[in-house]
Each structure stands twice: as C-alpha cells, then as structure tokens.
Protein backbone atom coordinates (compact mmCIF):
# COMPACT_ATOMS: atom_id res chain seq x y z
CA UNK A 1 69.70 55.96 90.92
CA UNK A 2 72.58 58.38 90.07
CA UNK A 3 72.04 61.14 87.47
CA UNK A 4 74.40 61.42 84.52
CA UNK A 5 74.38 64.86 82.55
CA UNK A 6 76.60 66.26 79.53
CA UNK A 7 77.72 69.22 80.51
CA UNK A 8 78.54 72.01 77.70
CA UNK A 9 82.46 72.50 76.88
CA UNK A 10 83.99 75.24 79.07
CA UNK A 11 85.48 77.94 77.48
CA UNK A 12 88.86 78.91 79.22
CA UNK A 13 89.48 82.24 80.53
CA UNK A 14 93.08 83.57 79.27
CA UNK A 15 94.04 86.30 82.20
CA UNK A 16 93.40 83.12 84.15
CA UNK A 17 95.25 80.57 82.49
CA UNK A 18 98.19 82.65 82.19
CA UNK A 19 97.72 83.26 86.19
CA UNK A 20 97.75 79.15 86.16
CA UNK A 21 101.10 78.82 83.73
CA UNK A 22 103.22 81.20 85.99
CA UNK A 23 103.01 84.56 83.85
CA UNK A 24 102.02 87.63 85.13
CA UNK A 25 101.30 91.15 83.91
CA UNK A 26 104.90 92.42 84.22
CA UNK A 27 106.29 89.52 81.99
CA UNK A 28 105.00 89.66 78.78
CA UNK A 29 104.24 86.40 76.56
CA UNK A 30 107.05 85.53 74.07
CA UNK A 31 105.35 85.19 70.41
CA UNK A 32 105.99 81.65 70.37
CA UNK A 33 104.39 80.93 73.82
CA UNK A 34 101.39 83.31 72.93
CA UNK A 35 101.23 80.83 69.72
CA UNK A 36 101.29 77.60 71.52
CA UNK A 37 98.41 78.66 74.14
CA UNK A 38 96.01 80.22 71.00
CA UNK A 39 96.88 76.95 69.44
CA UNK A 40 95.17 74.65 72.45
CA UNK A 41 92.87 77.21 73.67
CA UNK A 42 91.00 76.51 70.31
CA UNK A 43 92.10 72.93 69.63
CA UNK A 44 91.25 71.65 73.46
CA UNK A 45 87.36 71.20 72.91
CA UNK A 46 88.15 68.42 70.22
CA UNK A 47 89.93 66.50 72.79
CA UNK A 48 87.49 66.34 75.77
CA UNK A 49 84.22 64.85 76.46
CA UNK A 50 82.53 66.17 79.34
CA UNK A 51 80.24 63.37 81.47
CA UNK A 52 79.34 64.15 85.35
CA UNK A 53 77.15 61.64 87.61
CA UNK A 54 75.91 62.76 90.73
CA UNK A 55 73.46 61.37 93.51
CA UNK A 56 71.97 63.61 96.46
CA UNK A 57 71.75 61.17 100.02
CA UNK A 58 70.56 62.21 103.37
CA UNK A 59 72.70 62.31 106.02
CA UNK A 60 71.58 60.19 109.10
CA UNK A 61 74.52 60.99 111.59
CA UNK A 62 77.10 63.56 112.56
CA UNK A 63 79.76 63.66 114.72
CA UNK A 64 83.23 62.91 114.23
CA UNK A 65 82.41 61.37 110.76
CA UNK A 66 79.60 61.72 108.51
CA UNK A 67 77.09 58.90 108.48
CA UNK A 68 74.58 58.50 105.48
CA UNK A 69 71.42 56.90 105.01
CA UNK A 70 72.80 53.49 103.16
CA UNK A 71 74.99 53.27 106.68
CA UNK A 72 78.38 54.59 104.83
CA UNK A 73 80.38 56.25 107.12
CA UNK A 74 82.77 59.14 105.88
CA UNK A 75 85.84 59.41 108.34
CA UNK A 76 86.70 63.13 108.39
CA UNK A 77 86.06 65.34 111.33
CA UNK A 78 86.80 68.45 109.14
CA UNK A 79 84.28 67.32 106.71
CA UNK A 80 81.69 66.40 109.14
CA UNK A 81 81.95 69.85 110.29
CA UNK A 82 81.31 71.36 107.16
CA UNK A 83 78.16 69.37 106.60
CA UNK A 84 77.20 70.26 110.12
CA UNK A 85 74.25 72.34 109.07
CA UNK A 86 73.30 69.88 106.45
CA UNK A 87 70.50 67.12 106.22
CA UNK A 88 71.60 65.79 103.05
CA UNK A 89 74.95 65.75 100.87
CA UNK A 90 75.20 65.81 96.50
CA UNK A 91 78.20 63.26 95.79
CA UNK A 92 79.68 63.37 92.12
CA UNK A 93 81.99 62.47 89.80
CA UNK A 94 83.43 65.15 86.73
CA UNK A 95 85.41 63.70 83.73
CA UNK A 96 86.66 65.06 80.27
CA UNK A 97 87.60 61.77 79.19
CA UNK A 98 91.09 60.26 78.26
CA UNK A 99 91.79 61.76 74.85
CA UNK A 100 93.25 64.76 76.22
CA UNK A 101 95.19 62.45 78.36
CA UNK A 102 96.80 60.99 75.30
CA UNK A 103 97.84 64.07 73.70
CA UNK A 104 99.74 65.23 76.47
CA UNK A 105 101.42 61.57 77.05
CA UNK A 106 102.33 62.59 72.88
CA UNK A 107 103.56 65.94 73.43
CA UNK A 108 105.41 64.74 76.34
CA UNK A 109 106.99 62.20 74.33
CA UNK A 110 108.33 64.32 71.18
CA UNK A 111 109.50 66.84 73.44
CA UNK A 112 106.85 69.48 73.16
CA UNK A 113 107.43 69.93 77.28
CA UNK A 114 105.59 73.48 77.06
CA UNK A 115 102.87 72.44 74.89
CA UNK A 116 102.22 69.39 77.11
CA UNK A 117 102.08 71.61 80.32
CA UNK A 118 100.03 74.26 78.70
CA UNK A 119 97.31 71.40 77.30
CA UNK A 120 97.93 69.78 81.00
CA UNK A 121 96.44 73.16 82.90
CA UNK A 122 93.43 73.67 80.24
CA UNK A 123 92.49 70.16 80.76
CA UNK A 124 92.14 70.96 84.99
CA UNK A 125 90.79 74.35 84.08
CA UNK A 126 88.53 72.93 82.16
CA UNK A 127 87.04 70.04 84.43
CA UNK A 128 87.21 72.51 87.34
CA UNK A 129 84.96 74.84 85.53
CA UNK A 130 82.39 72.39 84.89
CA UNK A 131 81.94 70.96 88.70
CA UNK A 132 82.08 74.75 89.20
CA UNK A 133 79.08 75.58 87.03
CA UNK A 134 77.51 72.14 88.23
CA UNK A 135 77.45 73.35 91.91
CA UNK A 136 76.42 77.05 91.04
CA UNK A 137 73.69 75.40 89.36
CA UNK A 138 72.46 73.11 92.22
CA UNK A 139 73.04 76.25 94.50
CA UNK A 140 70.42 78.45 92.09
CA UNK A 141 68.08 75.47 92.45
CA UNK A 142 68.32 75.34 96.22
CA UNK A 143 67.95 79.00 96.73
CA UNK A 144 64.69 78.90 95.33
CA UNK A 145 63.81 76.57 97.83
CA UNK A 146 65.35 78.66 100.32
CA UNK A 147 68.18 76.48 100.63
CA UNK A 148 72.17 76.59 99.56
CA UNK A 149 75.19 74.66 99.58
CA UNK A 150 78.41 74.02 101.50
CA UNK A 151 82.40 74.24 100.57
CA UNK A 152 83.01 71.41 98.05
CA UNK A 153 85.33 68.50 99.83
CA UNK A 154 87.14 65.61 98.20
CA UNK A 155 88.80 62.86 98.92
CA UNK A 156 92.71 63.46 99.90
CA UNK A 157 91.68 67.03 101.28
CA UNK A 158 91.95 68.34 104.85
CA UNK A 159 91.89 65.17 106.85
CA UNK A 160 89.40 63.22 104.50
CA UNK A 161 91.80 60.32 103.41
CA UNK A 162 92.49 59.54 99.57
CA UNK A 163 91.47 55.69 100.71
CA UNK A 164 88.06 57.09 101.49
CA UNK A 165 87.58 57.55 97.57
CA UNK A 166 86.30 54.15 97.48
CA UNK A 167 83.84 55.12 99.76
CA UNK A 168 82.33 57.84 97.27
CA UNK A 169 82.72 55.38 94.08
CA UNK A 170 80.51 53.25 96.04
CA UNK A 171 78.03 56.04 95.83
CA UNK A 172 78.13 56.32 92.14
CA UNK A 173 78.27 54.19 89.02
CA UNK A 174 81.13 55.59 87.67
CA UNK A 175 82.08 53.14 84.73
CA UNK A 176 78.78 54.76 83.07
CA UNK A 177 80.73 57.42 82.54
CA UNK A 178 84.65 56.09 81.76
CA UNK A 179 85.67 56.40 85.36
CA UNK A 180 87.68 53.72 87.24
CA UNK A 181 89.68 53.58 90.64
CA UNK A 182 93.42 52.67 90.71
CA UNK A 183 94.58 50.27 93.69
CA UNK A 184 96.17 53.51 95.22
CA UNK A 185 92.86 55.31 94.70
CA UNK A 186 94.18 57.14 91.82
CA UNK A 187 91.38 58.26 89.21
CA UNK A 188 91.49 57.38 85.36
CA UNK A 189 90.99 59.51 83.28
CA UNK A 190 93.83 61.75 85.24
CA UNK A 191 91.56 64.98 84.54
CA UNK A 192 88.37 63.82 86.93
CA UNK A 193 87.11 65.51 89.73
CA UNK A 194 85.18 63.75 92.72
CA UNK A 195 83.71 65.33 95.83
CA UNK A 196 80.49 65.86 97.65
CA UNK A 197 79.12 69.13 98.93
CA UNK A 198 76.23 69.68 101.57
CA UNK A 199 72.68 71.02 100.99
CA UNK A 200 71.56 73.36 104.10
CA UNK A 201 69.14 76.10 104.55
CA UNK A 202 69.80 79.41 103.30
CA UNK A 203 69.49 80.79 107.17
CA UNK A 204 72.66 78.73 107.71
CA UNK A 205 74.62 80.27 104.74
CA UNK A 206 76.30 83.01 106.97
CA UNK A 207 77.99 79.60 109.10
CA UNK A 208 78.84 78.24 105.81
CA UNK A 209 82.28 76.25 107.61
CA UNK A 210 85.52 77.14 105.53
CA UNK A 211 88.30 75.14 106.98
CA UNK A 212 90.93 76.99 105.40
CA UNK A 213 90.21 79.89 107.70
CA UNK A 214 91.93 77.87 110.32
CA UNK A 215 94.92 75.80 108.97
CA UNK A 216 98.19 77.20 108.76
CA UNK A 217 99.18 75.81 105.27
CA UNK A 218 99.49 78.95 103.71
CA UNK A 219 101.05 77.94 100.66
CA UNK A 220 98.65 74.92 100.31
CA UNK A 221 97.54 75.22 96.26
CA UNK A 222 93.86 74.24 96.63
CA UNK A 223 93.37 77.02 99.69
CA UNK A 224 89.96 78.82 99.65
CA UNK A 225 90.29 81.46 102.56
CA UNK A 226 88.22 84.29 102.08
CA UNK A 227 86.00 82.44 99.86
CA UNK A 228 82.43 81.21 100.41
CA UNK A 229 81.41 78.48 98.09
C-alpha cells in the first residue's frame, strides 16, 4: 500500500525567490514590488495543503528500460542508467492543493499580473522544497542502512516520455491526495510533482549517474550539472 504523509508547510527563502523571479543584487527592488513579495511570502501558507504519497518498488530487470517487480516497464534508457546500481525505487506524488491555483487565476483575471507571477513562483518553490525535504529524509534513513539515493527523475525529463506519467500514476493511488491526470498527461492541481528516485548501496555513491553532465542543452531550466542529488 502507498504511504501518505502531510508535510510541514515550507519556508520560502527570499534570496532564492528573488533569483527565481529575475532580480539580482545589482537591480534593487521597487517599494511596491517589495510589498507584493512580502504579502505573498506571508500569505501563501493559507492557500496550501501539502500532501505526498509514495511507495517503494523492487526492480526486476534493467536494460534499456526499467522493469519493476509488478512487471511495469518504464521506457527510458537514461532513467535505466540513473538506476543502474539500484535494487529498488521510490515513486511519489507531491502536491500543495488547488487553492493556490484558484488565487493565481483570480489575480490574473484582476490584472494583477505581477502578484500572480510572484505567487506562482512561490507555489513552485514550495512544492519543490517539499519533495527535496522528502528525498533528503529518505536519504538520511538509507545512510543509516549503508545506502543512498540517486538523482530524482520525472516523466518528461530527458528521454522519459511524458506519457509514462500514466504508468507512474498506476503505481500510486493519486486520488487519495486529490491529484488527477488529464488526457494530455498534465497533472491537476498544477503545483504537483511526480517522479522516482533509486535506492542504492552507499558504496556506489561516487558512481551516481547525472545525465546533465553529458547533455548539451546548457540552457535547460532543470539542468543539474555539478549536483550530486
């Protein structure tokens, strides 16, 4: 059975938020923008209900694809290579709910585009932090058992087709945390992240494969060159 947890509402780091919305130290904030950021730094927590569902699956076979113990096949040579030292994976879905989506739409309809953009960015940062914290907790637990985790992968990244989102959903009961998948494989609520990461022996830590290290898409917004996991 998948496990459901209710993560703590995350804090948003101001310097990271400013970077995400395009401000630099050499470009000071206007008073009005600073007030808008402060408003939603404090107010976004009332709009989110974090939930995360996950399940661990054993790997049955690895080649140019990844086959799980229940015979689900995830078709991505890069994903299979990321998991090359693993004997099991953790698949997950994390969301902060749809109230923040509704507020972003409301702000947009009222022509408050800058506030909508700030809140949209905060929402993305919030769900990302929830997932990072979750993986870090699993990693710490695995360290105590002489294990570690791989980089995280999601459908639509690298050569893993977005259509494989359906397979990932089949491994989890997404409806229990209010997440659904459209015919185009888009998730609702929008501020939702799906994905998997592998569990491997700590002795293989130095061999963790990062596909970004050999990818030529230098301007990719999800590029993780130089990162471990």
